[in-house]
Amino acid sequence: MSQLPNCPKCGSEYTYEDGSLLICPECAHEWSQDAAEAESESFVVKDANGTILSDGDDVTVIKDLKVKGSSSGIKVGTKIKGIRLVDGNDGHNIDCKVTGVGAIKLKQEFVKKS
């Protein structure tokens, strides 16, 4: 018997199959295993060197960046801790806080994983 995944909503281990759907009896959440796998694989963020980034990673800026509305910018070598990945349709896939600048979104091609 193959091991079924836990429910993504409540974490219950008592999931069961009903045709092509997986169902959780505790919270009544229904999902397709194929759709969940495709969704997790479709959003991949890579840094300038091609390393895959994930939430909570620390990165370093590899280019001087100008910040709109600010006289100062972000210098090369600035370390950013605890990034969060978002699906930005304009290419700004990294949501983070930079010391001295504040909350900002960055493009993945201007950072490398620390």
N, C-alpha and C. Protein backbone atom coordinates (compact mmCIF):
# COMPACT_ATOMS: atom_id res chain seq x y z
N MET A 1 0.84 -1.18 0.00
CA MET A 1 0.00 0.00 0.00
C MET A 1 0.88 1.24 0.00
N SER A 2 0.60 2.19 -0.88
CA SER A 2 1.41 3.41 -0.96
C SER A 2 1.01 4.39 0.13
N GLN A 3 1.97 5.16 0.58
CA GLN A 3 1.74 6.14 1.65
C GLN A 3 1.11 7.39 1.05
N LEU A 4 -0.04 7.79 1.55
CA LEU A 4 -0.70 9.01 1.09
C LEU A 4 -0.16 10.20 1.87
N PRO A 5 -0.08 11.39 1.24
CA PRO A 5 0.43 12.57 1.95
C PRO A 5 -0.56 13.06 3.00
N ASN A 6 -0.03 13.76 3.99
CA ASN A 6 -0.89 14.39 5.00
C ASN A 6 -1.67 15.53 4.37
N CYS A 7 -2.76 15.90 5.02
CA CYS A 7 -3.59 17.00 4.53
C CYS A 7 -2.79 18.30 4.56
N PRO A 8 -2.75 19.07 3.44
CA PRO A 8 -2.01 20.33 3.44
C PRO A 8 -2.68 21.42 4.27
N LYS A 9 -3.95 21.27 4.58
CA LYS A 9 -4.67 22.29 5.33
C LYS A 9 -4.54 22.10 6.84
N CYS A 10 -4.79 20.87 7.33
CA CYS A 10 -4.77 20.65 8.77
C CYS A 10 -3.67 19.70 9.23
N GLY A 11 -3.00 19.01 8.31
CA GLY A 11 -1.90 18.12 8.66
C GLY A 11 -2.34 16.73 9.08
N SER A 12 -3.59 16.39 8.91
CA SER A 12 -4.10 15.08 9.32
C SER A 12 -3.45 13.97 8.50
N GLU A 13 -3.18 12.86 9.15
CA GLU A 13 -2.57 11.72 8.46
C GLU A 13 -3.61 10.72 7.95
N TYR A 14 -4.89 10.99 8.16
CA TYR A 14 -5.95 10.06 7.79
C TYR A 14 -6.58 10.37 6.44
N THR A 15 -5.80 10.79 5.47
CA THR A 15 -6.33 11.10 4.15
C THR A 15 -6.68 9.82 3.41
N TYR A 16 -7.60 9.93 2.46
CA TYR A 16 -7.96 8.78 1.63
C TYR A 16 -8.23 9.25 0.22
N GLU A 17 -8.17 8.29 -0.72
CA GLU A 17 -8.38 8.59 -2.13
C GLU A 17 -9.85 8.37 -2.50
N ASP A 18 -10.35 9.25 -3.35
CA ASP A 18 -11.69 9.08 -3.93
C ASP A 18 -11.56 9.44 -5.40
N GLY A 19 -11.30 8.44 -6.21
CA GLY A 19 -11.05 8.69 -7.62
C GLY A 19 -9.69 9.36 -7.77
N SER A 20 -9.66 10.54 -8.38
CA SER A 20 -8.41 11.27 -8.57
C SER A 20 -8.15 12.28 -7.47
N LEU A 21 -9.07 12.41 -6.52
CA LEU A 21 -8.93 13.38 -5.44
C LEU A 21 -8.46 12.72 -4.16
N LEU A 22 -7.76 13.49 -3.34
CA LEU A 22 -7.42 13.09 -1.98
C LEU A 22 -8.32 13.87 -1.04
N ILE A 23 -8.83 13.23 -0.01
CA ILE A 23 -9.80 13.86 0.88
C ILE A 23 -9.35 13.68 2.32
N CYS A 24 -9.54 14.74 3.11
CA CYS A 24 -9.24 14.70 4.54
C CYS A 24 -10.56 14.54 5.29
N PRO A 25 -10.72 13.49 6.08
CA PRO A 25 -11.98 13.31 6.80
C PRO A 25 -12.14 14.26 7.99
N GLU A 26 -11.05 14.85 8.46
CA GLU A 26 -11.14 15.72 9.64
C GLU A 26 -11.58 17.14 9.30
N CYS A 27 -11.07 17.70 8.19
CA CYS A 27 -11.44 19.09 7.84
C CYS A 27 -12.21 19.18 6.52
N ALA A 28 -12.44 18.05 5.86
CA ALA A 28 -13.18 17.96 4.60
C ALA A 28 -12.49 18.68 3.44
N HIS A 29 -11.18 18.85 3.52
CA HIS A 29 -10.43 19.48 2.43
C HIS A 29 -10.20 18.45 1.33
N GLU A 30 -10.43 18.85 0.08
CA GLU A 30 -10.21 18.00 -1.08
C GLU A 30 -9.15 18.63 -1.97
N TRP A 31 -8.22 17.81 -2.48
CA TRP A 31 -7.19 18.31 -3.37
C TRP A 31 -6.72 17.21 -4.29
N SER A 32 -6.13 17.61 -5.39
CA SER A 32 -5.58 16.69 -6.37
C SER A 32 -4.09 16.59 -6.13
N GLN A 33 -3.58 15.40 -6.03
CA GLN A 33 -2.16 15.22 -5.77
C GLN A 33 -1.33 15.74 -6.95
N ASP A 34 -1.80 15.53 -8.17
CA ASP A 34 -1.08 16.01 -9.35
C ASP A 34 -1.02 17.53 -9.38
N ALA A 35 -2.12 18.21 -9.04
CA ALA A 35 -2.15 19.67 -9.05
C ALA A 35 -1.24 20.25 -7.98
N ALA A 36 -1.19 19.63 -6.82
CA ALA A 36 -0.33 20.11 -5.74
C ALA A 36 1.14 19.98 -6.11
N GLU A 37 1.52 18.88 -6.74
CA GLU A 37 2.91 18.69 -7.16
C GLU A 37 3.28 19.67 -8.25
N ALA A 38 2.40 19.91 -9.23
CA ALA A 38 2.68 20.84 -10.32
C ALA A 38 2.80 22.26 -9.80
N GLU A 39 1.97 22.63 -8.82
CA GLU A 39 2.02 23.98 -8.26
C GLU A 39 3.32 24.23 -7.52
N SER A 40 3.80 23.26 -6.77
CA SER A 40 5.03 23.44 -6.01
C SER A 40 6.24 23.49 -6.94
N GLU A 41 6.20 22.81 -8.07
CA GLU A 41 7.32 22.79 -9.00
C GLU A 41 7.33 24.00 -9.93
N SER A 42 6.19 24.65 -10.14
CA SER A 42 6.10 25.72 -11.12
C SER A 42 6.74 27.02 -10.63
N PHE A 43 6.79 27.28 -9.33
CA PHE A 43 7.34 28.52 -8.81
C PHE A 43 8.70 28.26 -8.19
N VAL A 44 9.75 28.51 -8.97
CA VAL A 44 11.12 28.32 -8.50
C VAL A 44 11.86 29.64 -8.69
N VAL A 45 12.52 30.11 -7.64
CA VAL A 45 13.29 31.34 -7.71
C VAL A 45 14.76 30.98 -7.58
N LYS A 46 15.56 31.44 -8.55
CA LYS A 46 17.01 31.17 -8.55
C LYS A 46 17.76 32.49 -8.45
N ASP A 47 18.89 32.47 -7.75
CA ASP A 47 19.71 33.68 -7.63
C ASP A 47 20.54 33.88 -8.89
N ALA A 48 21.45 34.84 -8.87
CA ALA A 48 22.26 35.18 -10.03
C ALA A 48 23.18 34.02 -10.45
N ASN A 49 23.53 33.15 -9.51
CA ASN A 49 24.40 32.01 -9.82
C ASN A 49 23.63 30.76 -10.18
N GLY A 50 22.31 30.80 -10.13
CA GLY A 50 21.49 29.64 -10.47
C GLY A 50 21.13 28.77 -9.28
N THR A 51 21.46 29.20 -8.07
CA THR A 51 21.13 28.46 -6.87
C THR A 51 19.67 28.71 -6.52
N ILE A 52 18.95 27.66 -6.18
CA ILE A 52 17.53 27.80 -5.84
C ILE A 52 17.39 28.44 -4.46
N LEU A 53 16.56 29.47 -4.39
CA LEU A 53 16.30 30.17 -3.14
C LEU A 53 15.01 29.67 -2.51
N SER A 54 14.94 29.76 -1.19
CA SER A 54 13.71 29.40 -0.48
C SER A 54 13.46 30.42 0.62
N ASP A 55 12.25 30.40 1.18
CA ASP A 55 11.90 31.34 2.25
C ASP A 55 12.86 31.20 3.42
N GLY A 56 13.28 32.35 3.96
CA GLY A 56 14.16 32.36 5.13
C GLY A 56 15.63 32.35 4.80
N ASP A 57 16.01 32.24 3.54
CA ASP A 57 17.43 32.25 3.17
C ASP A 57 18.03 33.62 3.40
N ASP A 58 19.36 33.66 3.53
CA ASP A 58 20.11 34.90 3.60
C ASP A 58 20.77 35.12 2.25
N VAL A 59 20.72 36.36 1.74
CA VAL A 59 21.30 36.67 0.44
C VAL A 59 22.20 37.90 0.55
N THR A 60 23.04 38.07 -0.47
CA THR A 60 23.93 39.22 -0.57
C THR A 60 23.68 39.92 -1.89
N VAL A 61 23.64 41.24 -1.88
CA VAL A 61 23.41 42.03 -3.09
C VAL A 61 24.70 42.04 -3.91
N ILE A 62 24.61 41.83 -5.23
CA ILE A 62 25.80 41.75 -6.08
C ILE A 62 25.99 42.98 -6.97
N LYS A 63 25.12 43.99 -6.84
CA LYS A 63 25.20 45.18 -7.67
C LYS A 63 24.64 46.36 -6.89
N ASP A 64 25.23 47.55 -7.09
CA ASP A 64 24.66 48.75 -6.46
C ASP A 64 23.26 48.97 -7.03
N LEU A 65 22.29 49.17 -6.14
CA LEU A 65 20.91 49.35 -6.57
C LEU A 65 20.40 50.71 -6.12
N LYS A 66 19.75 51.43 -7.03
CA LYS A 66 19.12 52.69 -6.68
C LYS A 66 17.74 52.39 -6.12
N VAL A 67 17.30 53.18 -5.14
CA VAL A 67 15.99 53.00 -4.54
C VAL A 67 15.16 54.23 -4.86
N LYS A 68 13.99 54.03 -5.44
CA LYS A 68 13.12 55.15 -5.78
C LYS A 68 12.70 55.89 -4.52
N GLY A 69 12.73 57.21 -4.59
CA GLY A 69 12.29 58.02 -3.47
C GLY A 69 13.30 58.15 -2.34
N SER A 70 14.51 57.70 -2.59
CA SER A 70 15.54 57.76 -1.56
C SER A 70 16.83 58.28 -2.17
N SER A 71 17.57 59.08 -1.42
CA SER A 71 18.84 59.58 -1.94
C SER A 71 19.94 58.52 -1.83
N SER A 72 19.78 57.59 -0.90
CA SER A 72 20.75 56.51 -0.77
C SER A 72 20.23 55.28 -1.49
N GLY A 73 21.10 54.35 -1.71
CA GLY A 73 20.72 53.11 -2.37
C GLY A 73 21.20 51.92 -1.57
N ILE A 74 21.22 50.77 -2.21
CA ILE A 74 21.71 49.55 -1.59
C ILE A 74 23.06 49.24 -2.22
N LYS A 75 24.09 49.15 -1.40
CA LYS A 75 25.46 48.94 -1.88
C LYS A 75 25.75 47.46 -2.13
N VAL A 76 26.76 47.22 -2.97
CA VAL A 76 27.23 45.86 -3.23
C VAL A 76 27.70 45.26 -1.91
N GLY A 77 27.37 43.99 -1.68
CA GLY A 77 27.81 43.29 -0.48
C GLY A 77 26.87 43.42 0.70
N THR A 78 25.77 44.15 0.54
CA THR A 78 24.80 44.27 1.63
C THR A 78 24.16 42.91 1.87
N LYS A 79 24.20 42.46 3.12
CA LYS A 79 23.61 41.17 3.47
C LYS A 79 22.17 41.37 3.90
N ILE A 80 21.30 40.52 3.39
CA ILE A 80 19.87 40.57 3.72
C ILE A 80 19.49 39.23 4.31
N LYS A 81 18.92 39.28 5.51
CA LYS A 81 18.57 38.05 6.23
C LYS A 81 17.08 37.78 6.14
N GLY A 82 16.73 36.51 6.06
CA GLY A 82 15.33 36.08 6.15
C GLY A 82 14.44 36.59 5.04
N ILE A 83 14.79 36.30 3.80
CA ILE A 83 13.96 36.74 2.68
C ILE A 83 12.66 35.95 2.62
N ARG A 84 11.69 36.51 1.95
CA ARG A 84 10.42 35.84 1.69
C ARG A 84 10.17 35.85 0.19
N LEU A 85 9.83 34.72 -0.38
CA LEU A 85 9.59 34.63 -1.81
C LEU A 85 8.12 34.88 -2.11
N VAL A 86 7.89 35.72 -3.11
CA VAL A 86 6.54 36.03 -3.57
C VAL A 86 6.50 35.87 -5.07
N ASP A 87 5.33 35.62 -5.62
CA ASP A 87 5.18 35.46 -7.06
C ASP A 87 4.88 36.82 -7.66
N GLY A 88 5.95 37.59 -7.90
CA GLY A 88 5.80 38.92 -8.47
C GLY A 88 5.73 38.85 -9.98
N ASN A 89 4.66 39.35 -10.57
CA ASN A 89 4.51 39.27 -12.02
C ASN A 89 5.41 40.26 -12.75
N ASP A 90 6.07 41.16 -12.02
CA ASP A 90 7.00 42.10 -12.65
C ASP A 90 8.45 41.71 -12.42
N GLY A 91 8.71 40.52 -11.90
CA GLY A 91 10.07 40.04 -11.69
C GLY A 91 10.62 40.29 -10.31
N HIS A 92 9.93 41.04 -9.48
CA HIS A 92 10.38 41.31 -8.12
C HIS A 92 9.88 40.18 -7.22
N ASN A 93 10.65 39.09 -7.14
CA ASN A 93 10.21 37.88 -6.46
C ASN A 93 10.71 37.77 -5.02
N ILE A 94 11.52 38.71 -4.55
CA ILE A 94 12.07 38.64 -3.20
C ILE A 94 11.54 39.80 -2.38
N ASP A 95 10.87 39.48 -1.29
CA ASP A 95 10.34 40.48 -0.36
C ASP A 95 11.23 40.44 0.87
N CYS A 96 11.79 41.60 1.27
CA CYS A 96 12.74 41.59 2.38
C CYS A 96 12.80 42.96 3.05
N LYS A 97 13.56 43.02 4.14
CA LYS A 97 13.82 44.28 4.82
C LYS A 97 15.33 44.53 4.77
N VAL A 98 15.69 45.72 4.29
CA VAL A 98 17.09 46.10 4.19
C VAL A 98 17.37 47.15 5.25
N THR A 99 18.43 46.94 6.02
CA THR A 99 18.81 47.88 7.06
C THR A 99 19.10 49.24 6.44
N GLY A 100 18.48 50.28 6.97
CA GLY A 100 18.68 51.63 6.47
C GLY A 100 17.74 52.04 5.35
N VAL A 101 17.07 51.06 4.74
CA VAL A 101 16.16 51.36 3.64
C VAL A 101 14.73 51.00 4.02
N GLY A 102 14.53 49.83 4.61
CA GLY A 102 13.21 49.38 5.01
C GLY A 102 12.73 48.22 4.17
N ALA A 103 11.43 48.00 4.15
CA ALA A 103 10.85 46.90 3.37
C ALA A 103 10.94 47.21 1.89
N ILE A 104 11.37 46.22 1.12
CA ILE A 104 11.58 46.42 -0.31
C ILE A 104 11.42 45.08 -1.03
N LYS A 105 11.12 45.14 -2.32
CA LYS A 105 11.09 43.96 -3.17
C LYS A 105 12.27 44.03 -4.12
N LEU A 106 12.95 42.91 -4.29
CA LEU A 106 14.13 42.84 -5.15
C LEU A 106 13.94 41.82 -6.26
N LYS A 107 14.66 42.02 -7.34
CA LYS A 107 14.69 41.04 -8.41
C LYS A 107 15.74 39.99 -8.07
N GLN A 108 15.47 38.77 -8.48
CA GLN A 108 16.34 37.66 -8.12
C GLN A 108 17.71 37.73 -8.79
N GLU A 109 17.86 38.42 -9.90
CA GLU A 109 19.15 38.44 -10.59
C GLU A 109 20.16 39.39 -9.94
N PHE A 110 19.76 40.14 -8.90
CA PHE A 110 20.67 41.05 -8.22
C PHE A 110 21.14 40.54 -6.88
N VAL A 111 20.87 39.28 -6.56
CA VAL A 111 21.30 38.72 -5.28
C VAL A 111 21.95 37.35 -5.50
N LYS A 112 22.76 36.95 -4.51
CA LYS A 112 23.30 35.59 -4.49
C LYS A 112 23.10 35.05 -3.08
N LYS A 113 22.95 33.75 -3.00
CA LYS A 113 22.71 33.11 -1.71
C LYS A 113 23.98 33.15 -0.87
N SER A 114 23.82 33.50 0.41
CA SER A 114 24.98 33.59 1.32
C SER A 114 25.29 32.24 1.91
